[in-house]
Amino acid sequence: GYRKMGLASLMRSPPPYAAAILILLGLSSPSLAEGCSPERERVSVPLPGFSSPAEIVIPPLGVQPRGLLVLFPGSDVADMDGAVQGANGAIVSRPMRQVADRLACAGFASLRYNKRFVTGALTVDRSKFDALNGADLASDGRLALAFARTRPALATLPVGLVGWSEGTTVAMEIAA
């Protein structure tokens, strides 16, 4: 379960996900992932009326995962990679994929998934997508977490919820 803790309590007895928070703060370190090759598994997360493309990223062989982080995508149309389109229309960055890779190299497994009705970096069923609301996104996040917990290698790991932009509200709703 989740505990509500004050800062003083956190300093005396940090929760298991505290290391993940510190790692997230240091993700910009270029040396963190040098020589690291995380393992990837393409999966599909069953959501209402949609099978969401997803990916589980785990630490390299020989590294025992310290926890599972579910990464929630940002605002509007967002694929699991958080793909950013450049001026010429090409994808110029995949920040959520980079975060997942860095987390794996630091010993954390992760699950990323496309938002419901998003089939690729720039493709979406817009009419269905636009009908979704915050409660739908939170429900999808709960389903993604439940899916991750069905995986034997992830089932007993401590869990952390990480959101980007709109994904932060999804993470908070699930944790509440």
C-alpha atoms as a PDB file:
ATOM      1  CA  GLY A   1       0.000   0.000   0.000  1.00  0.00           C
ATOM      2  CA  TYR A   2       0.868   3.657  -0.044  1.00  0.00           C
ATOM      3  CA  ARG A   3       1.775   5.602   3.086  1.00  0.00           C
ATOM      4  CA  LYS A   4       1.414   9.300   3.733  1.00  0.00           C
ATOM      5  CA  MET A   5       4.683  10.463   5.215  1.00  0.00           C
ATOM      6  CA  GLY A   6       6.076  13.789   6.355  1.00  0.00           C
ATOM      7  CA  LEU A   7       9.516  14.969   5.257  1.00  0.00           C
ATOM      8  CA  ALA A   8      11.089  14.170   8.635  1.00  0.00           C
ATOM      9  CA  SER A   9       9.715  10.628   8.472  1.00  0.00           C
ATOM     10  CA  LEU A  10      11.028  10.212   4.916  1.00  0.00           C
ATOM     11  CA  MET A  11      14.508  11.254   6.019  1.00  0.00           C
ATOM     12  CA  ARG A  12      14.558   8.715   8.900  1.00  0.00           C
ATOM     13  CA  SER A  13      13.062   5.797   6.972  1.00  0.00           C
ATOM     14  CA  PRO A  14      12.970   6.295   3.198  1.00  0.00           C
ATOM     15  CA  PRO A  15      10.375   4.212   1.320  1.00  0.00           C
ATOM     16  CA  PRO A  16      11.600   1.638  -1.255  1.00  0.00           C
ATOM     17  CA  TYR A  17      10.906   4.002  -4.150  1.00  0.00           C
ATOM     18  CA  ALA A  18      13.160   6.752  -2.749  1.00  0.00           C
ATOM     19  CA  ALA A  19      16.096   5.429  -4.779  1.00  0.00           C
ATOM     20  CA  ALA A  20      14.003   5.717  -7.946  1.00  0.00           C
ATOM     21  CA  ILE A  21      13.252   9.363  -7.186  1.00  0.00           C
ATOM     22  CA  LEU A  22      16.942  10.103  -6.718  1.00  0.00           C
ATOM     23  CA  ILE A  23      17.762   8.296  -9.951  1.00  0.00           C
ATOM     24  CA  LEU A  24      15.107  10.267 -11.833  1.00  0.00           C
ATOM     25  CA  LEU A  25      16.712  13.458 -10.582  1.00  0.00           C
ATOM     26  CA  GLY A  26      20.052  12.321 -12.001  1.00  0.00           C
ATOM     27  CA  LEU A  27      18.890  10.957 -15.348  1.00  0.00           C
ATOM     28  CA  SER A  28      20.787  13.627 -17.218  1.00  0.00           C
ATOM     29  CA  SER A  29      24.097  12.019 -16.300  1.00  0.00           C
ATOM     30  CA  PRO A  30      25.512  10.754 -19.620  1.00  0.00           C
ATOM     31  CA  SER A  31      27.600   8.083 -17.928  1.00  0.00           C
ATOM     32  CA  LEU A  32      24.621   6.413 -16.249  1.00  0.00           C
ATOM     33  CA  ALA A  33      23.670   4.230 -19.221  1.00  0.00           C
ATOM     34  CA  GLU A  34      27.027   3.765 -20.953  1.00  0.00           C
ATOM     35  CA  GLY A  35      27.513   0.112 -21.817  1.00  0.00           C
ATOM     36  CA  CYS A  36      24.085  -0.831 -20.508  1.00  0.00           C
ATOM     37  CA  SER A  37      21.681  -2.841 -22.665  1.00  0.00           C
ATOM     38  CA  PRO A  38      18.273  -3.212 -21.009  1.00  0.00           C
ATOM     39  CA  GLU A  39      15.983  -6.024 -22.033  1.00  0.00           C
ATOM     40  CA  ARG A  40      12.722  -5.174 -23.821  1.00  0.00           C
ATOM     41  CA  GLU A  41       9.460  -7.015 -24.243  1.00  0.00           C
ATOM     42  CA  ARG A  42       6.711  -5.715 -26.502  1.00  0.00           C
ATOM     43  CA  VAL A  43       3.320  -6.419 -24.950  1.00  0.00           C
ATOM     44  CA  SER A  44      -0.271  -5.215 -25.261  1.00  0.00           C
ATOM     45  CA  VAL A  45      -2.209  -3.778 -22.341  1.00  0.00           C
ATOM     46  CA  PRO A  46      -5.937  -4.579 -22.607  1.00  0.00           C
ATOM     47  CA  LEU A  47      -7.940  -1.363 -22.252  1.00  0.00           C
ATOM     48  CA  PRO A  48     -11.684  -0.900 -22.880  1.00  0.00           C
ATOM     49  CA  GLY A  49     -12.233  -1.194 -26.633  1.00  0.00           C
ATOM     50  CA  PHE A  50      -8.504  -1.068 -27.389  1.00  0.00           C
ATOM     51  CA  SER A  51      -5.370  -3.166 -27.091  1.00  0.00           C
ATOM     52  CA  SER A  52      -2.660  -0.670 -26.181  1.00  0.00           C
ATOM     53  CA  PRO A  53       0.837  -1.206 -27.568  1.00  0.00           C
ATOM     54  CA  ALA A  54       3.220  -1.278 -24.602  1.00  0.00           C
ATOM     55  CA  GLU A  55       6.741  -2.191 -23.606  1.00  0.00           C
ATOM     56  CA  ILE A  56       8.268  -3.662 -20.487  1.00  0.00           C
ATOM     57  CA  VAL A  57      11.903  -2.698 -19.996  1.00  0.00           C
ATOM     58  CA  ILE A  58      13.948  -4.588 -17.426  1.00  0.00           C
ATOM     59  CA  PRO A  59      17.518  -4.300 -16.210  1.00  0.00           C
ATOM     60  CA  PRO A  60      20.216  -6.145 -18.161  1.00  0.00           C
ATOM     61  CA  LEU A  61      20.869  -9.839 -17.536  1.00  0.00           C
ATOM     62  CA  GLY A  62      22.380 -10.424 -14.142  1.00  0.00           C
ATOM     63  CA  VAL A  63      20.874  -7.306 -12.559  1.00  0.00           C
ATOM     64  CA  GLN A  64      18.018  -8.018 -10.156  1.00  0.00           C
ATOM     65  CA  PRO A  65      15.224  -5.422 -10.510  1.00  0.00           C
ATOM     66  CA  ARG A  66      14.837  -3.254  -7.390  1.00  0.00           C
ATOM     67  CA  GLY A  67      11.346  -2.072  -8.254  1.00  0.00           C
ATOM     68  CA  LEU A  68       8.729  -1.563 -10.936  1.00  0.00           C
ATOM     69  CA  LEU A  69       7.868   1.884 -12.251  1.00  0.00           C
ATOM     70  CA  VAL A  70       4.780   2.424 -14.375  1.00  0.00           C
ATOM     71  CA  LEU A  71       5.325   5.422 -16.657  1.00  0.00           C
ATOM     72  CA  PHE A  72       2.195   7.382 -17.549  1.00  0.00           C
ATOM     73  CA  PRO A  73       2.184   9.360 -20.826  1.00  0.00           C
ATOM     74  CA  GLY A  74       1.769  13.120 -21.083  1.00  0.00           C
ATOM     75  CA  SER A  75      -0.951  15.414 -22.397  1.00  0.00           C
ATOM     76  CA  ASP A  76      -3.026  15.002 -25.542  1.00  0.00           C
ATOM     77  CA  VAL A  77      -2.030  12.273 -28.010  1.00  0.00           C
ATOM     78  CA  ALA A  78       0.898  10.428 -26.441  1.00  0.00           C
ATOM     79  CA  ASP A  79       2.505   7.158 -27.329  1.00  0.00           C
ATOM     80  CA  MET A  80       4.554   5.118 -24.858  1.00  0.00           C
ATOM     81  CA  ASP A  81       7.774   6.849 -25.960  1.00  0.00           C
ATOM     82  CA  GLY A  82       6.449  10.388 -25.552  1.00  0.00           C
ATOM     83  CA  ALA A  83       7.571  10.932 -29.150  1.00  0.00           C
ATOM     84  CA  VAL A  84       8.352  14.554 -30.003  1.00  0.00           C
ATOM     85  CA  GLN A  85       7.838  15.687 -33.574  1.00  0.00           C
ATOM     86  CA  GLY A  86      10.289  18.177 -35.091  1.00  0.00           C
ATOM     87  CA  ALA A  87       9.602  21.017 -37.508  1.00  0.00           C
ATOM     88  CA  ASN A  88      10.085  18.720 -40.505  1.00  0.00           C
ATOM     89  CA  GLY A  89       7.524  16.197 -39.186  1.00  0.00           C
ATOM     90  CA  ALA A  90      10.116  13.593 -38.178  1.00  0.00           C
ATOM     91  CA  ILE A  91      10.363  12.223 -34.647  1.00  0.00           C
ATOM     92  CA  VAL A  92      13.312  13.992 -33.011  1.00  0.00           C
ATOM     93  CA  SER A  93      13.118  12.617 -29.477  1.00  0.00           C
ATOM     94  CA  ARG A  94      11.606   9.753 -27.480  1.00  0.00           C
ATOM     95  CA  PRO A  95      12.067  10.956 -23.892  1.00  0.00           C
ATOM     96  CA  MET A  96       9.927   8.331 -22.121  1.00  0.00           C
ATOM     97  CA  ARG A  97      11.899   5.562 -23.833  1.00  0.00           C
ATOM     98  CA  GLN A  98      15.115   7.222 -22.682  1.00  0.00           C
ATOM     99  CA  VAL A  99      13.788   7.430 -19.118  1.00  0.00           C
ATOM    100  CA  ALA A 100      12.836   3.727 -19.200  1.00  0.00           C
ATOM    101  CA  ASP A 101      16.302   2.800 -20.477  1.00  0.00           C
ATOM    102  CA  ARG A 102      18.051   4.837 -17.796  1.00  0.00           C
ATOM    103  CA  LEU A 103      15.823   3.394 -15.085  1.00  0.00           C
ATOM    104  CA  ALA A 104      16.601  -0.145 -16.267  1.00  0.00           C
ATOM    105  CA  CYS A 105      20.315   0.596 -16.182  1.00  0.00           C
ATOM    106  CA  ALA A 106      19.841   1.787 -12.597  1.00  0.00           C
ATOM    107  CA  GLY A 107      18.038  -1.447 -11.663  1.00  0.00           C
ATOM    108  CA  PHE A 108      14.359  -0.581 -12.158  1.00  0.00           C
ATOM    109  CA  ALA A 109      11.876  -2.384 -14.411  1.00  0.00           C
ATOM    110  CA  SER A 110       9.244  -0.247 -16.117  1.00  0.00           C
ATOM    111  CA  LEU A 111       6.070  -0.457 -18.144  1.00  0.00           C
ATOM    112  CA  ARG A 112       5.141   2.168 -20.731  1.00  0.00           C
ATOM    113  CA  TYR A 113       1.953   2.097 -22.789  1.00  0.00           C
ATOM    114  CA  ASN A 114       0.170   4.149 -25.423  1.00  0.00           C
ATOM    115  CA  LYS A 115      -2.854   6.102 -24.363  1.00  0.00           C
ATOM    116  CA  ARG A 116      -6.132   4.532 -25.386  1.00  0.00           C
ATOM    117  CA  PHE A 117      -6.798   4.836 -29.151  1.00  0.00           C
ATOM    118  CA  VAL A 118      -3.195   5.937 -29.868  1.00  0.00           C
ATOM    119  CA  THR A 119      -1.702   3.393 -32.264  1.00  0.00           C
ATOM    120  CA  GLY A 120       1.682   4.994 -32.935  1.00  0.00           C
ATOM    121  CA  ALA A 121       3.849   8.056 -32.405  1.00  0.00           C
ATOM    122  CA  LEU A 122       1.625  10.246 -34.569  1.00  0.00           C
ATOM    123  CA  THR A 123      -1.468   8.128 -35.165  1.00  0.00           C
ATOM    124  CA  VAL A 124      -4.713   8.201 -33.214  1.00  0.00           C
ATOM    125  CA  ASP A 125      -8.413   7.551 -33.644  1.00  0.00           C
ATOM    126  CA  ARG A 126      -9.170  11.184 -32.847  1.00  0.00           C
ATOM    127  CA  SER A 127     -12.955  10.923 -32.484  1.00  0.00           C
ATOM    128  CA  LYS A 128     -12.669   8.138 -29.888  1.00  0.00           C
ATOM    129  CA  PHE A 129      -9.663   9.695 -28.183  1.00  0.00           C
ATOM    130  CA  ASP A 130     -11.376  13.070 -27.771  1.00  0.00           C
ATOM    131  CA  ALA A 131     -14.265  11.384 -25.933  1.00  0.00           C
ATOM    132  CA  LEU A 132     -11.948  10.252 -23.099  1.00  0.00           C
ATOM    133  CA  ASN A 133     -11.812  12.099 -19.788  1.00  0.00           C
ATOM    134  CA  GLY A 134      -9.569  12.093 -16.724  1.00  0.00           C
ATOM    135  CA  ALA A 135     -11.467   9.228 -15.099  1.00  0.00           C
ATOM    136  CA  ASP A 136     -10.920   7.124 -18.245  1.00  0.00           C
ATOM    137  CA  LEU A 137      -7.188   7.845 -18.199  1.00  0.00           C
ATOM    138  CA  ALA A 138      -6.946   6.934 -14.504  1.00  0.00           C
ATOM    139  CA  SER A 139      -8.888   3.725 -15.145  1.00  0.00           C
ATOM    140  CA  ASP A 140      -6.479   2.899 -17.988  1.00  0.00           C
ATOM    141  CA  GLY A 141      -3.549   3.566 -15.647  1.00  0.00           C
ATOM    142  CA  ARG A 142      -4.980   1.154 -13.074  1.00  0.00           C
ATOM    143  CA  LEU A 143      -5.413  -1.463 -15.788  1.00  0.00           C
ATOM    144  CA  ALA A 144      -1.802  -0.940 -16.931  1.00  0.00           C
ATOM    145  CA  LEU A 145      -0.552  -1.384 -13.361  1.00  0.00           C
ATOM    146  CA  ALA A 146      -2.706  -4.504 -12.898  1.00  0.00           C
ATOM    147  CA  PHE A 147      -1.369  -5.881 -16.181  1.00  0.00           C
ATOM    148  CA  ALA A 148       2.226  -5.328 -15.054  1.00  0.00           C
ATOM    149  CA  ARG A 149       1.497  -7.173 -11.808  1.00  0.00           C
ATOM    150  CA  THR A 150       0.383 -10.262 -13.786  1.00  0.00           C
ATOM    151  CA  ARG A 151       3.947 -10.678 -15.036  1.00  0.00           C
ATOM    152  CA  PRO A 152       5.729 -13.139 -12.710  1.00  0.00           C
ATOM    153  CA  ALA A 153       9.034 -11.235 -12.773  1.00  0.00           C
ATOM    154  CA  LEU A 154       7.269  -7.986 -11.784  1.00  0.00           C
ATOM    155  CA  ALA A 155       4.503  -9.236  -9.479  1.00  0.00           C
ATOM    156  CA  THR A 156       6.269  -8.815  -6.147  1.00  0.00           C
ATOM    157  CA  LEU A 157       8.478  -5.799  -6.837  1.00  0.00           C
ATOM    158  CA  PRO A 158       7.855  -2.525  -4.981  1.00  0.00           C
ATOM    159  CA  VAL A 159       5.855  -0.188  -7.244  1.00  0.00           C
ATOM    160  CA  GLY A 160       6.349   3.445  -8.167  1.00  0.00           C
ATOM    161  CA  LEU A 161       4.122   5.584 -10.375  1.00  0.00           C
ATOM    162  CA  VAL A 162       5.778   8.143 -12.658  1.00  0.00           C
ATOM    163  CA  GLY A 163       3.857  10.587 -14.799  1.00  0.00           C
ATOM    164  CA  TRP A 164       4.830  13.213 -17.292  1.00  0.00           C
ATOM    165  CA  SER A 165       2.566  16.261 -17.713  1.00  0.00           C
ATOM    166  CA  GLU A 166      -1.008  14.902 -17.709  1.00  0.00           C
ATOM    167  CA  GLY A 167       0.431  11.569 -16.586  1.00  0.00           C
ATOM    168  CA  THR A 168       1.214  13.112 -13.191  1.00  0.00           C
ATOM    169  CA  THR A 169      -2.503  13.517 -12.529  1.00  0.00           C
ATOM    170  CA  VAL A 170      -3.056   9.889 -13.539  1.00  0.00           C
ATOM    171  CA  ALA A 171      -0.306   8.757 -11.154  1.00  0.00           C
ATOM    172  CA  MET A 172      -1.745  10.824  -8.298  1.00  0.00           C
ATOM    173  CA  GLU A 173      -5.272   9.508  -8.895  1.00  0.00           C
ATOM    174  CA  ILE A 174      -4.044   5.917  -8.817  1.00  0.00           C
ATOM    175  CA  ALA A 175      -1.960   6.495  -5.682  1.00  0.00           C
ATOM    176  CA  ALA A 176      -4.813   8.245  -3.825  1.00  0.00           C
END
